[in-house]
Amino acid sequence: MISAKLTIKERAIKTGTLMMQEDATFQRLGATLENIDKGSAIVRLEINHTHLNGHGFCHGGIIFTLADATFGFACNSYNIKAVAQNCNITYISPAKEKDVLFSEAHEIKKYGRSAIYDVTIRNSRENLVAIFRGHSRDIGNQIFEEV
């Protein structure tokens, strides 16, 4: 039996799908993977009451988790297991209940087993909520076996 090679996009989609199935934190977050491609991803999250901090704004940890998940989809889109090596976030403006956030990751540079990604989080009004930069490190092995 001859196996057809996956396209770059198909590989990224399959990787993202498998990662979502195994990521209980992402599932509990309530976010959705809107788009994935080689080195990039977009994740959507509607802020609800469980995401709020004591001041009534979206908790910074939720925003970080959203950015980190988006970064994870992007850096694993090659079907090579990758983990965060270093991450930082700058919060720009608060998100409120019922805001819809869009987290978008883009690869800046991939070099050897390392890579750098920038993630921007905006609300549906295009207001910048946070900027996240993540450094990843490939740890080997594929997420799914390719022939």
Protein backbone atom coordinates (compact mmCIF):
# COMPACT_ATOMS: atom_id res chain seq x y z
CA MET A 1 0.00 0.00 0.00
CA ILE A 2 1.39 3.38 -0.99
CA SER A 3 0.91 6.19 1.53
CA ALA A 4 0.34 9.69 0.19
CA LYS A 5 2.47 12.40 1.76
CA LEU A 6 0.65 15.04 3.74
CA THR A 7 0.74 18.64 2.63
CA ILE A 8 2.23 21.18 5.03
CA LYS A 9 -1.29 22.37 5.94
CA GLU A 10 -2.63 18.81 6.41
CA ARG A 11 0.30 17.98 8.71
CA ALA A 12 -0.36 21.08 10.81
CA ILE A 13 -4.11 20.34 11.03
CA LYS A 14 -3.55 16.73 12.07
CA THR A 15 -1.00 17.83 14.66
CA GLY A 16 -3.38 20.45 16.09
CA THR A 17 -6.27 17.99 16.22
CA LEU A 18 -4.23 15.39 18.08
CA MET A 19 -2.85 17.98 20.50
CA MET A 20 -6.36 19.24 21.35
CA GLN A 21 -7.53 15.68 22.06
CA GLU A 22 -4.73 15.19 24.59
CA ASP A 23 -4.74 18.64 26.24
CA ALA A 24 -7.19 18.69 29.16
CA THR A 25 -6.24 22.26 30.09
CA PHE A 26 -7.04 23.53 26.60
CA GLN A 27 -10.35 21.66 26.68
CA ARG A 28 -11.29 23.19 30.07
CA LEU A 29 -10.28 26.65 28.88
CA GLY A 30 -13.15 26.57 26.39
CA ALA A 31 -11.05 27.89 23.49
CA THR A 32 -11.20 26.74 19.88
CA LEU A 33 -8.42 26.30 17.37
CA GLU A 34 -9.60 28.46 14.47
CA ASN A 35 -6.65 28.01 12.11
CA ILE A 36 -3.27 26.29 12.02
CA ASP A 37 -0.51 26.15 9.46
CA LYS A 38 3.25 25.65 9.47
CA GLY A 39 4.61 27.87 12.24
CA SER A 40 1.32 29.68 12.90
CA ALA A 41 -1.99 29.28 14.69
CA ILE A 42 -5.10 31.25 15.66
CA VAL A 43 -7.12 30.40 18.78
CA ARG A 44 -10.43 31.98 19.83
CA LEU A 45 -11.76 32.33 23.38
CA GLU A 46 -14.97 33.93 24.61
CA ILE A 47 -14.43 35.23 28.13
CA ASN A 48 -16.98 33.96 30.63
CA HIS A 49 -17.46 34.35 34.38
CA THR A 50 -15.04 31.51 35.20
CA HIS A 51 -12.21 33.42 33.47
CA LEU A 52 -12.54 36.54 35.64
CA ASN A 53 -10.29 37.72 38.46
CA GLY A 54 -11.40 39.54 41.62
CA HIS A 55 -11.57 42.87 39.77
CA GLY A 56 -13.99 41.55 37.16
CA PHE A 57 -11.41 41.40 34.35
CA CYS A 58 -10.08 38.34 32.57
CA HIS A 59 -7.44 36.77 34.80
CA GLY A 60 -3.88 37.24 33.56
CA GLY A 61 -3.28 33.51 33.93
CA ILE A 62 -6.11 32.81 31.50
CA ILE A 63 -4.63 35.21 28.95
CA PHE A 64 -1.19 33.63 29.42
CA THR A 65 -2.68 30.14 29.01
CA LEU A 66 -4.44 31.24 25.83
CA ALA A 67 -1.20 32.66 24.41
CA ASP A 68 0.82 29.63 25.52
CA ALA A 69 -1.65 27.22 23.89
CA THR A 70 -1.55 29.18 20.63
CA PHE A 71 2.25 29.19 20.76
CA GLY A 72 2.17 25.43 21.39
CA PHE A 73 0.04 24.75 18.33
CA ALA A 74 2.34 26.86 16.16
CA CYS A 75 5.64 25.37 17.34
CA ASN A 76 4.34 21.79 17.11
CA SER A 77 2.81 22.26 13.65
CA TYR A 78 5.82 20.56 12.03
CA ASN A 79 4.85 17.24 13.70
CA ILE A 80 8.00 17.33 15.82
CA LYS A 81 7.38 17.52 19.56
CA ALA A 82 8.37 20.96 20.89
CA VAL A 83 8.11 22.52 24.33
CA ALA A 84 8.42 26.02 25.72
CA GLN A 85 11.93 27.01 26.71
CA ASN A 86 11.15 30.59 27.73
CA CYS A 87 8.04 32.76 27.55
CA ASN A 88 7.10 36.28 28.54
CA ILE A 89 3.97 38.34 28.26
CA THR A 90 3.09 42.01 28.39
CA TYR A 91 -0.50 42.88 29.24
CA ILE A 92 -1.73 45.93 27.33
CA SER A 93 -5.44 46.31 28.09
CA PRO A 94 -8.00 44.35 30.12
CA ALA A 95 -10.48 41.87 28.71
CA LYS A 96 -13.98 41.67 30.15
CA GLU A 97 -16.69 39.06 30.39
CA LYS A 98 -18.25 38.33 26.96
CA ASP A 99 -15.22 39.72 25.13
CA VAL A 100 -14.08 37.41 22.35
CA LEU A 101 -10.29 37.11 22.20
CA PHE A 102 -8.26 36.05 19.20
CA SER A 103 -4.75 34.80 19.89
CA GLU A 104 -2.50 34.67 16.83
CA ALA A 105 0.97 33.07 16.78
CA HIS A 106 3.61 33.56 14.10
CA GLU A 107 7.03 32.02 13.82
CA ILE A 108 9.75 34.66 13.86
CA LYS A 109 12.77 32.40 13.36
CA LYS A 110 13.42 28.67 13.45
CA TYR A 111 17.06 27.66 13.89
CA GLY A 112 18.20 24.13 14.59
CA ARG A 113 16.06 22.69 17.39
CA SER A 114 15.04 26.16 18.64
CA ALA A 115 12.54 28.74 17.42
CA ILE A 116 11.00 32.07 18.43
CA TYR A 117 7.29 32.88 18.14
CA ASP A 118 5.31 36.05 18.71
CA VAL A 119 1.70 35.85 19.83
CA THR A 120 -0.71 38.79 19.80
CA ILE A 121 -4.02 38.68 21.59
CA ARG A 122 -6.74 41.05 20.43
CA ASN A 123 -10.41 41.38 21.21
CA SER A 124 -13.10 41.38 18.51
CA ARG A 125 -12.82 45.19 18.31
CA GLU A 126 -9.14 44.74 17.31
CA ASN A 127 -7.91 46.22 20.62
CA LEU A 128 -4.56 44.78 21.64
CA VAL A 129 -4.89 42.87 24.92
CA ALA A 130 -1.44 41.28 25.26
CA ILE A 131 1.81 40.47 23.50
CA PHE A 132 3.57 37.18 24.21
CA ARG A 133 6.96 35.93 23.00
CA GLY A 134 7.84 32.27 23.29
CA HIS A 135 11.05 30.38 22.65
CA SER A 136 10.59 26.72 21.83
CA ARG A 137 12.88 23.72 21.79
CA ASP A 138 12.26 20.58 19.73
CA ILE A 139 12.53 17.51 21.94
CA GLY A 140 12.41 14.93 19.16
CA ASN A 141 9.86 12.33 18.16
CA GLN A 142 6.79 12.93 16.08
CA ILE A 143 3.33 13.63 17.45
CA PHE A 144 1.95 11.12 14.97
CA GLU A 145 3.83 8.62 12.83
CA GLU A 146 4.39 9.59 9.22
CA VAL A 147 5.52 7.05 6.69
